[in-house]
Amino acid sequence: TIAGLTPMMFESSSLAFYMAPIAVTLCFGLAFATGLVLIVIPALLTLLEASHGHLADQLRKFLHTARAELAAAGQAGANPNPLPEREK
């Protein structure tokens, strides 16, 4: 598509006066989207997959600590519910 629109970008006829900006927009838009799909999105997916294991470990540690603190608070006679009571 980009190769097919390239001659229209450099045309100098009266019709090309209106069509050349459209051809330029389409060519650069397609080139940008192609670069985005082939380079940026795979890089973001790789980073997301790499961070998934790290985030899962951090969440597991946080939940373990929170459960231990709630269990200790329950054994000490404290209110295990950290949310305040509603006023009536």
PDB file of N, CA and C in Angstrom:
ATOM      1  N   THR A   1       0.826  -1.196   0.000  1.00  0.00           N
ATOM      2  CA  THR A   1       0.000   0.000   0.000  1.00  0.00           C
ATOM      3  C   THR A   1       0.865   1.254   0.000  1.00  0.00           C
ATOM      4  N   ILE A   2       1.908   1.221   0.826  1.00  0.00           N
ATOM      5  CA  ILE A   2       2.795   2.382   0.874  1.00  0.00           C
ATOM      6  C   ILE A   2       3.491   2.570  -0.468  1.00  0.00           C
ATOM      7  N   ALA A   3       3.963   1.482  -1.059  1.00  0.00           N
ATOM      8  CA  ALA A   3       4.631   1.570  -2.359  1.00  0.00           C
ATOM      9  C   ALA A   3       3.650   2.035  -3.442  1.00  0.00           C
ATOM     10  N   GLY A   4       2.397   1.647  -3.341  1.00  0.00           N
ATOM     11  CA  GLY A   4       1.404   2.063  -4.323  1.00  0.00           C
ATOM     12  C   GLY A   4       1.031   3.530  -4.187  1.00  0.00           C
ATOM     13  N   LEU A   5       1.096   4.076  -2.986  1.00  0.00           N
ATOM     14  CA  LEU A   5       0.750   5.483  -2.778  1.00  0.00           C
ATOM     15  C   LEU A   5       1.923   6.434  -2.982  1.00  0.00           C
ATOM     16  N   THR A   6       3.130   5.903  -3.021  1.00  0.00           N
ATOM     17  CA  THR A   6       4.313   6.754  -3.170  1.00  0.00           C
ATOM     18  C   THR A   6       4.276   7.601  -4.445  1.00  0.00           C
ATOM     19  N   PRO A   7       3.919   7.078  -5.618  1.00  0.00           N
ATOM     20  CA  PRO A   7       3.858   7.946  -6.807  1.00  0.00           C
ATOM     21  C   PRO A   7       2.833   9.076  -6.659  1.00  0.00           C
ATOM     22  N   MET A   8       1.749   8.819  -5.950  1.00  0.00           N
ATOM     23  CA  MET A   8       0.739   9.848  -5.775  1.00  0.00           C
ATOM     24  C   MET A   8       1.260  10.990  -4.894  1.00  0.00           C
ATOM     25  N   MET A   9       2.160  10.674  -3.972  1.00  0.00           N
ATOM     26  CA  MET A   9       2.715  11.720  -3.110  1.00  0.00           C
ATOM     27  C   MET A   9       3.541  12.726  -3.907  1.00  0.00           C
ATOM     28  N   PHE A  10       4.175  12.260  -4.978  1.00  0.00           N
ATOM     29  CA  PHE A  10       5.060  13.121  -5.759  1.00  0.00           C
ATOM     30  C   PHE A  10       4.435  13.603  -7.069  1.00  0.00           C
ATOM     31  N   GLU A  11       3.164  13.347  -7.266  1.00  0.00           N
ATOM     32  CA  GLU A  11       2.454  13.787  -8.475  1.00  0.00           C
ATOM     33  C   GLU A  11       2.252  15.303  -8.428  1.00  0.00           C
ATOM     34  N   SER A  12       2.229  15.933  -9.616  1.00  0.00           N
ATOM     35  CA  SER A  12       2.088  17.397  -9.659  1.00  0.00           C
ATOM     36  C   SER A  12       0.862  17.860 -10.437  1.00  0.00           C
ATOM     37  N   SER A  13      -0.064  16.985 -10.744  1.00  0.00           N
ATOM     38  CA  SER A  13      -1.253  17.394 -11.502  1.00  0.00           C
ATOM     39  C   SER A  13      -2.238  18.121 -10.580  1.00  0.00           C
ATOM     40  N   SER A  14      -3.286  18.648 -11.168  1.00  0.00           N
ATOM     41  CA  SER A  14      -4.265  19.401 -10.374  1.00  0.00           C
ATOM     42  C   SER A  14      -5.036  18.496  -9.414  1.00  0.00           C
ATOM     43  N   LEU A  15      -5.321  17.268  -9.821  1.00  0.00           N
ATOM     44  CA  LEU A  15      -5.998  16.337  -8.933  1.00  0.00           C
ATOM     45  C   LEU A  15      -5.085  15.938  -7.774  1.00  0.00           C
ATOM     46  N   ALA A  16      -3.801  15.837  -8.045  1.00  0.00           N
ATOM     47  CA  ALA A  16      -2.853  15.456  -7.001  1.00  0.00           C
ATOM     48  C   ALA A  16      -2.739  16.526  -5.928  1.00  0.00           C
ATOM     49  N   PHE A  17      -3.111  17.760  -6.268  1.00  0.00           N
ATOM     50  CA  PHE A  17      -3.094  18.835  -5.280  1.00  0.00           C
ATOM     51  C   PHE A  17      -3.988  18.488  -4.086  1.00  0.00           C
ATOM     52  N   TYR A  18      -5.082  17.779  -4.345  1.00  0.00           N
ATOM     53  CA  TYR A  18      -5.996  17.359  -3.286  1.00  0.00           C
ATOM     54  C   TYR A  18      -5.680  15.962  -2.764  1.00  0.00           C
ATOM     55  N   MET A  19      -5.114  15.119  -3.609  1.00  0.00           N
ATOM     56  CA  MET A  19      -4.878  13.727  -3.223  1.00  0.00           C
ATOM     57  C   MET A  19      -3.527  13.491  -2.548  1.00  0.00           C
ATOM     58  N   ALA A  20      -2.545  14.332  -2.827  1.00  0.00           N
ATOM     59  CA  ALA A  20      -1.210  14.135  -2.256  1.00  0.00           C
ATOM     60  C   ALA A  20      -1.219  14.190  -0.729  1.00  0.00           C
ATOM     61  N   PRO A  21      -1.909  15.135  -0.089  1.00  0.00           N
ATOM     62  CA  PRO A  21      -1.931  15.119   1.385  1.00  0.00           C
ATOM     63  C   PRO A  21      -2.558  13.852   1.956  1.00  0.00           C
ATOM     64  N   ILE A  22      -3.562  13.329   1.263  1.00  0.00           N
ATOM     65  CA  ILE A  22      -4.179  12.076   1.708  1.00  0.00           C
ATOM     66  C   ILE A  22      -3.184  10.932   1.584  1.00  0.00           C
ATOM     67  N   ALA A  23      -2.447  10.889   0.488  1.00  0.00           N
ATOM     68  CA  ALA A  23      -1.448   9.838   0.286  1.00  0.00           C
ATOM     69  C   ALA A  23      -0.340   9.931   1.334  1.00  0.00           C
ATOM     70  N   VAL A  24       0.103  11.142   1.629  1.00  0.00           N
ATOM     71  CA  VAL A  24       1.145  11.328   2.648  1.00  0.00           C
ATOM     72  C   VAL A  24       0.634  10.847   4.005  1.00  0.00           C
ATOM     73  N   THR A  25      -0.577  11.232   4.349  1.00  0.00           N
ATOM     74  CA  THR A  25      -1.155  10.825   5.632  1.00  0.00           C
ATOM     75  C   THR A  25      -1.274   9.315   5.732  1.00  0.00           C
ATOM     76  N   LEU A  26      -1.769   8.689   4.676  1.00  0.00           N
ATOM     77  CA  LEU A  26      -1.904   7.231   4.693  1.00  0.00           C
ATOM     78  C   LEU A  26      -0.552   6.533   4.786  1.00  0.00           C
ATOM     79  N   CYS A  27       0.438   7.001   4.012  1.00  0.00           N
ATOM     80  CA  CYS A  27       1.758   6.361   4.022  1.00  0.00           C
ATOM     81  C   CYS A  27       2.425   6.457   5.388  1.00  0.00           C
ATOM     82  N   PHE A  28       2.450   7.654   5.953  1.00  0.00           N
ATOM     83  CA  PHE A  28       3.093   7.798   7.246  1.00  0.00           C
ATOM     84  C   PHE A  28       2.299   7.125   8.365  1.00  0.00           C
ATOM     85  N   GLY A  29       0.992   7.133   8.264  1.00  0.00           N
ATOM     86  CA  GLY A  29       0.172   6.425   9.253  1.00  0.00           C
ATOM     87  C   GLY A  29       0.404   4.927   9.213  1.00  0.00           C
ATOM     88  N   LEU A  30       0.456   4.373   8.006  1.00  0.00           N
ATOM     89  CA  LEU A  30       0.723   2.941   7.881  1.00  0.00           C
ATOM     90  C   LEU A  30       2.127   2.589   8.354  1.00  0.00           C
ATOM     91  N   ALA A  31       3.108   3.428   8.027  1.00  0.00           N
ATOM     92  CA  ALA A  31       4.479   3.172   8.473  1.00  0.00           C
ATOM     93  C   ALA A  31       4.572   3.238  10.001  1.00  0.00           C
ATOM     94  N   PHE A  32       3.918   4.221  10.605  1.00  0.00           N
ATOM     95  CA  PHE A  32       3.931   4.346  12.062  1.00  0.00           C
ATOM     96  C   PHE A  32       3.251   3.154  12.724  1.00  0.00           C
ATOM     97  N   ALA A  33       2.092   2.766  12.217  1.00  0.00           N
ATOM     98  CA  ALA A  33       1.364   1.631  12.788  1.00  0.00           C
ATOM     99  C   ALA A  33       2.145   0.332  12.628  1.00  0.00           C
ATOM    100  N   THR A  34       2.832   0.172  11.490  1.00  0.00           N
ATOM    101  CA  THR A  34       3.640  -1.026  11.279  1.00  0.00           C
ATOM    102  C   THR A  34       4.782  -1.085  12.283  1.00  0.00           C
ATOM    103  N   GLY A  35       5.449   0.032  12.487  1.00  0.00           N
ATOM    104  CA  GLY A  35       6.525   0.074  13.484  1.00  0.00           C
ATOM    105  C   GLY A  35       6.008  -0.193  14.885  1.00  0.00           C
ATOM    106  N   LEU A  36       4.842   0.346  15.179  1.00  0.00           N
ATOM    107  CA  LEU A  36       4.230   0.125  16.491  1.00  0.00           C
ATOM    108  C   LEU A  36       3.921  -1.351  16.701  1.00  0.00           C
ATOM    109  N   VAL A  37       3.336  -1.984  15.707  1.00  0.00           N
ATOM    110  CA  VAL A  37       2.946  -3.388  15.832  1.00  0.00           C
ATOM    111  C   VAL A  37       4.164  -4.315  15.856  1.00  0.00           C
ATOM    112  N   LEU A  38       5.188  -4.002  15.081  1.00  0.00           N
ATOM    113  CA  LEU A  38       6.336  -4.902  14.988  1.00  0.00           C
ATOM    114  C   LEU A  38       7.380  -4.690  16.080  1.00  0.00           C
ATOM    115  N   ILE A  39       7.447  -3.499  16.682  1.00  0.00           N
ATOM    116  CA  ILE A  39       8.511  -3.221  17.649  1.00  0.00           C
ATOM    117  C   ILE A  39       7.968  -2.902  19.036  1.00  0.00           C
ATOM    118  N   VAL A  40       7.099  -1.909  19.145  1.00  0.00           N
ATOM    119  CA  VAL A  40       6.691  -1.412  20.456  1.00  0.00           C
ATOM    120  C   VAL A  40       5.797  -2.400  21.197  1.00  0.00           C
ATOM    121  N   ILE A  41       4.776  -2.916  20.571  1.00  0.00           N
ATOM    122  CA  ILE A  41       3.849  -3.811  21.255  1.00  0.00           C
ATOM    123  C   ILE A  41       4.533  -5.101  21.712  1.00  0.00           C
ATOM    124  N   PRO A  42       5.375  -5.769  20.886  1.00  0.00           N
ATOM    125  CA  PRO A  42       6.084  -6.946  21.406  1.00  0.00           C
ATOM    126  C   PRO A  42       7.016  -6.605  22.579  1.00  0.00           C
ATOM    127  N   ALA A  43       7.652  -5.426  22.534  1.00  0.00           N
ATOM    128  CA  ALA A  43       8.517  -5.029  23.647  1.00  0.00           C
ATOM    129  C   ALA A  43       7.706  -4.840  24.918  1.00  0.00           C
ATOM    130  N   LEU A  44       6.537  -4.216  24.825  1.00  0.00           N
ATOM    131  CA  LEU A  44       5.684  -4.033  25.996  1.00  0.00           C
ATOM    132  C   LEU A  44       5.175  -5.369  26.536  1.00  0.00           C
ATOM    133  N   LEU A  45       4.827  -6.273  25.643  1.00  0.00           N
ATOM    134  CA  LEU A  45       4.375  -7.596  26.093  1.00  0.00           C
ATOM    135  C   LEU A  45       5.490  -8.361  26.785  1.00  0.00           C
ATOM    136  N   THR A  46       6.718  -8.247  26.280  1.00  0.00           N
ATOM    137  CA  THR A  46       7.856  -8.897  26.923  1.00  0.00           C
ATOM    138  C   THR A  46       8.084  -8.336  28.317  1.00  0.00           C
ATOM    139  N   LEU A  47       8.004  -7.018  28.458  1.00  0.00           N
ATOM    140  CA  LEU A  47       8.164  -6.400  29.776  1.00  0.00           C
ATOM    141  C   LEU A  47       7.048  -6.823  30.723  1.00  0.00           C
ATOM    142  N   LEU A  48       5.835  -6.898  30.212  1.00  0.00           N
ATOM    143  CA  LEU A  48       4.701  -7.311  31.038  1.00  0.00           C
ATOM    144  C   LEU A  48       4.863  -8.741  31.523  1.00  0.00           C
ATOM    145  N   GLU A  49       5.279  -9.637  30.638  1.00  0.00           N
ATOM    146  CA  GLU A  49       5.475 -11.032  31.031  1.00  0.00           C
ATOM    147  C   GLU A  49       6.617 -11.170  32.030  1.00  0.00           C
ATOM    148  N   ALA A  50       7.673 -10.393  31.852  1.00  0.00           N
ATOM    149  CA  ALA A  50       8.807 -10.460  32.779  1.00  0.00           C
ATOM    150  C   ALA A  50       8.418  -9.932  34.152  1.00  0.00           C
ATOM    151  N   SER A  51       7.592  -8.891  34.182  1.00  0.00           N
ATOM    152  CA  SER A  51       7.206  -8.315  35.468  1.00  0.00           C
ATOM    153  C   SER A  51       6.097  -9.115  36.141  1.00  0.00           C
ATOM    154  N   HIS A  52       5.412  -9.969  35.416  1.00  0.00           N
ATOM    155  CA  HIS A  52       4.308 -10.731  35.985  1.00  0.00           C
ATOM    156  C   HIS A  52       4.780 -11.614  37.134  1.00  0.00           C
ATOM    157  N   GLY A  53       5.883 -12.309  36.947  1.00  0.00           N
ATOM    158  CA  GLY A  53       6.409 -13.170  38.008  1.00  0.00           C
ATOM    159  C   GLY A  53       6.823 -12.373  39.226  1.00  0.00           C
ATOM    160  N   HIS A  54       7.453 -11.228  39.008  1.00  0.00           N
ATOM    161  CA  HIS A  54       7.886 -10.382  40.109  1.00  0.00           C
ATOM    162  C   HIS A  54       6.684  -9.831  40.876  1.00  0.00           C
ATOM    163  N   LEU A  55       5.665  -9.386  40.154  1.00  0.00           N
ATOM    164  CA  LEU A  55       4.477  -8.848  40.806  1.00  0.00           C
ATOM    165  C   LEU A  55       3.730  -9.930  41.583  1.00  0.00           C
ATOM    166  N   ALA A  56       3.682 -11.127  41.033  1.00  0.00           N
ATOM    167  CA  ALA A  56       3.009 -12.222  41.728  1.00  0.00           C
ATOM    168  C   ALA A  56       3.733 -12.555  43.026  1.00  0.00           C
ATOM    169  N   ASP A  57       5.063 -12.555  43.016  1.00  0.00           N
ATOM    170  CA  ASP A  57       5.826 -12.801  44.238  1.00  0.00           C
ATOM    171  C   ASP A  57       5.579 -11.715  45.277  1.00  0.00           C
ATOM    172  N   GLN A  58       5.569 -10.460  44.839  1.00  0.00           N
ATOM    173  CA  GLN A  58       5.327  -9.351  45.766  1.00  0.00           C
ATOM    174  C   GLN A  58       3.923  -9.443  46.372  1.00  0.00           C
ATOM    175  N   LEU A  59       2.928  -9.770  45.567  1.00  0.00           N
ATOM    176  CA  LEU A  59       1.566  -9.900  46.066  1.00  0.00           C
ATOM    177  C   LEU A  59       1.463 -11.058  47.048  1.00  0.00           C
ATOM    178  N   ARG A  60       2.113 -12.183  46.748  1.00  0.00           N
ATOM    179  CA  ARG A  60       2.089 -13.327  47.634  1.00  0.00           C
ATOM    180  C   ARG A  60       2.710 -12.973  48.989  1.00  0.00           C
ATOM    181  N   LYS A  61       3.836 -12.254  48.986  1.00  0.00           N
ATOM    182  CA  LYS A  61       4.480 -11.838  50.236  1.00  0.00           C
ATOM    183  C   LYS A  61       3.583 -10.886  51.025  1.00  0.00           C
ATOM    184  N   PHE A  62       2.957  -9.950  50.312  1.00  0.00           N
ATOM    185  CA  PHE A  62       2.074  -8.995  50.983  1.00  0.00           C
ATOM    186  C   PHE A  62       0.893  -9.703  51.639  1.00  0.00           C
ATOM    187  N   LEU A  63       0.259 -10.615  50.918  1.00  0.00           N
ATOM    188  CA  LEU A  63      -0.889 -11.328  51.474  1.00  0.00           C
ATOM    189  C   LEU A  63      -0.485 -12.196  52.650  1.00  0.00           C
ATOM    190  N   HIS A  64       0.672 -12.828  52.578  1.00  0.00           N
ATOM    191  CA  HIS A  64       1.151 -13.651  53.688  1.00  0.00           C
ATOM    192  C   HIS A  64       1.367 -12.789  54.930  1.00  0.00           C
ATOM    193  N   THR A  65       1.991 -11.625  54.753  1.00  0.00           N
ATOM    194  CA  THR A  65       2.240 -10.719  55.868  1.00  0.00           C
ATOM    195  C   THR A  65       0.931 -10.196  56.444  1.00  0.00           C
ATOM    196  N   ALA A  66      -0.007  -9.827  55.569  1.00  0.00           N
ATOM    197  CA  ALA A  66      -1.288  -9.299  56.033  1.00  0.00           C
ATOM    198  C   ALA A  66      -2.065 -10.359  56.804  1.00  0.00           C
ATOM    199  N   ARG A  67      -2.053 -11.592  56.334  1.00  0.00           N
ATOM    200  CA  ARG A  67      -2.753 -12.670  57.043  1.00  0.00           C
ATOM    201  C   ARG A  67      -2.113 -12.932  58.397  1.00  0.00           C
ATOM    202  N   ALA A  68      -0.793 -12.906  58.455  1.00  0.00           N
ATOM    203  CA  ALA A  68      -0.098 -13.124  59.720  1.00  0.00           C
ATOM    204  C   ALA A  68      -0.421 -12.010  60.714  1.00  0.00           C
ATOM    205  N   GLU A  69      -0.464 -10.772  60.239  1.00  0.00           N
ATOM    206  CA  GLU A  69      -0.793  -9.653  61.128  1.00  0.00           C
ATOM    207  C   GLU A  69      -2.231  -9.737  61.619  1.00  0.00           C
ATOM    208  N   LEU A  70      -3.152 -10.118  60.750  1.00  0.00           N
ATOM    209  CA  LEU A  70      -4.545 -10.270  61.164  1.00  0.00           C
ATOM    210  C   LEU A  70      -4.702 -11.412  62.159  1.00  0.00           C
ATOM    211  N   ALA A  71      -3.986 -12.492  61.951  1.00  0.00           N
ATOM    212  CA  ALA A  71      -4.054 -13.615  62.879  1.00  0.00           C
ATOM    213  C   ALA A  71      -3.485 -13.211  64.235  1.00  0.00           C
ATOM    214  N   ALA A  72      -2.386 -12.479  64.235  1.00  0.00           N
ATOM    215  CA  ALA A  72      -1.792 -12.033  65.498  1.00  0.00           C
ATOM    216  C   ALA A  72      -2.713 -11.048  66.199  1.00  0.00           C
ATOM    217  N   ALA A  73      -3.361 -10.176  65.460  1.00  0.00           N
ATOM    218  CA  ALA A  73      -4.285  -9.215  66.064  1.00  0.00           C
ATOM    219  C   ALA A  73      -5.509  -9.929  66.621  1.00  0.00           C
ATOM    220  N   GLY A  74      -5.966 -10.972  65.968  1.00  0.00           N
ATOM    221  CA  GLY A  74      -7.110 -11.737  66.448  1.00  0.00           C
ATOM    222  C   GLY A  74      -6.788 -12.491  67.715  1.00  0.00           C
ATOM    223  N   GLN A  75      -5.574 -12.981  67.842  1.00  0.00           N
ATOM    224  CA  GLN A  75      -5.168 -13.710  69.040  1.00  0.00           C
ATOM    225  C   GLN A  75      -4.958 -12.768  70.215  1.00  0.00           C
ATOM    226  N   ALA A  76      -4.587 -11.530  69.946  1.00  0.00           N
ATOM    227  CA  ALA A  76      -4.341 -10.561  71.009  1.00  0.00           C
ATOM    228  C   ALA A  76      -5.635  -9.938  71.497  1.00  0.00           C
ATOM    229  N   GLY A  77      -6.761 -10.285  70.907  1.00  0.00           N
ATOM    230  CA  GLY A  77      -8.037  -9.749  71.341  1.00  0.00           C
ATOM    231  C   GLY A  77      -8.414  -8.462  70.639  1.00  0.00           C
ATOM    232  N   ALA A  78      -7.635  -8.046  69.691  1.00  0.00           N
ATOM    233  CA  ALA A  78      -7.956  -6.833  68.957  1.00  0.00           C
ATOM    234  C   ALA A  78      -9.019  -7.135  67.908  1.00  0.00           C
ATOM    235  N   ASN A  79      -9.596  -6.107  67.394  1.00  0.00           N
ATOM    236  CA  ASN A  79     -10.601  -6.257  66.346  1.00  0.00           C
ATOM    237  C   ASN A  79      -9.907  -6.678  65.056  1.00  0.00           C
ATOM    238  N   PRO A  80     -10.184  -7.861  64.508  1.00  0.00           N
ATOM    239  CA  PRO A  80      -9.506  -8.281  63.277  1.00  0.00           C
ATOM    240  C   PRO A  80      -9.974  -7.513  62.043  1.00  0.00           C
ATOM    241  N   ASN A  81     -11.082  -6.801  62.181  1.00  0.00           N
ATOM    242  CA  ASN A  81     -11.593  -6.009  61.059  1.00  0.00           C
ATOM    243  C   ASN A  81     -10.957  -4.622  61.133  1.00  0.00           C
ATOM    244  N   PRO A  82     -10.098  -4.251  60.203  1.00  0.00           N
ATOM    245  CA  PRO A  82      -9.430  -2.952  60.264  1.00  0.00           C
ATOM    246  C   PRO A  82     -10.344  -1.782  59.907  1.00  0.00           C
ATOM    247  N   LEU A  83     -11.545  -2.053  59.417  1.00  0.00           N
ATOM    248  CA  LEU A  83     -12.442  -0.977  59.037  1.00  0.00           C
ATOM    249  C   LEU A  83     -13.204  -0.486  60.279  1.00  0.00           C
ATOM    250  N   PRO A  84     -13.396   0.812  60.402  1.00  0.00           N
ATOM    251  CA  PRO A  84     -14.127   1.330  61.579  1.00  0.00           C
ATOM    252  C   PRO A  84     -15.601   0.964  61.501  1.00  0.00           C
ATOM    253  N   GLU A  85     -16.219   0.924  62.659  1.00  0.00           N
ATOM    254  CA  GLU A  85     -17.647   0.616  62.725  1.00  0.00           C
ATOM    255  C   GLU A  85     -18.442   1.804  62.211  1.00  0.00           C
ATOM    256  N   ARG A  86     -19.583   1.535  61.606  1.00  0.00           N
ATOM    257  CA  ARG A  86     -20.455   2.599  61.101  1.00  0.00           C
ATOM    258  C   ARG A  86     -21.228   3.192  62.274  1.00  0.00           C
ATOM    259  N   GLU A  87     -21.386   4.492  62.219  1.00  0.00           N
ATOM    260  CA  GLU A  87     -22.206   5.149  63.220  1.00  0.00           C
ATOM    261  C   GLU A  87     -23.665   5.046  62.830  1.00  0.00           C
ATOM    262  N   LYS A  88     -24.526   4.819  63.805  1.00  0.00           N
ATOM    263  CA  LYS A  88     -25.954   4.636  63.497  1.00  0.00           C
ATOM    264  C   LYS A  88     -26.728   5.882  63.811  1.00  0.00           C
TER     265      LYS A  88
END
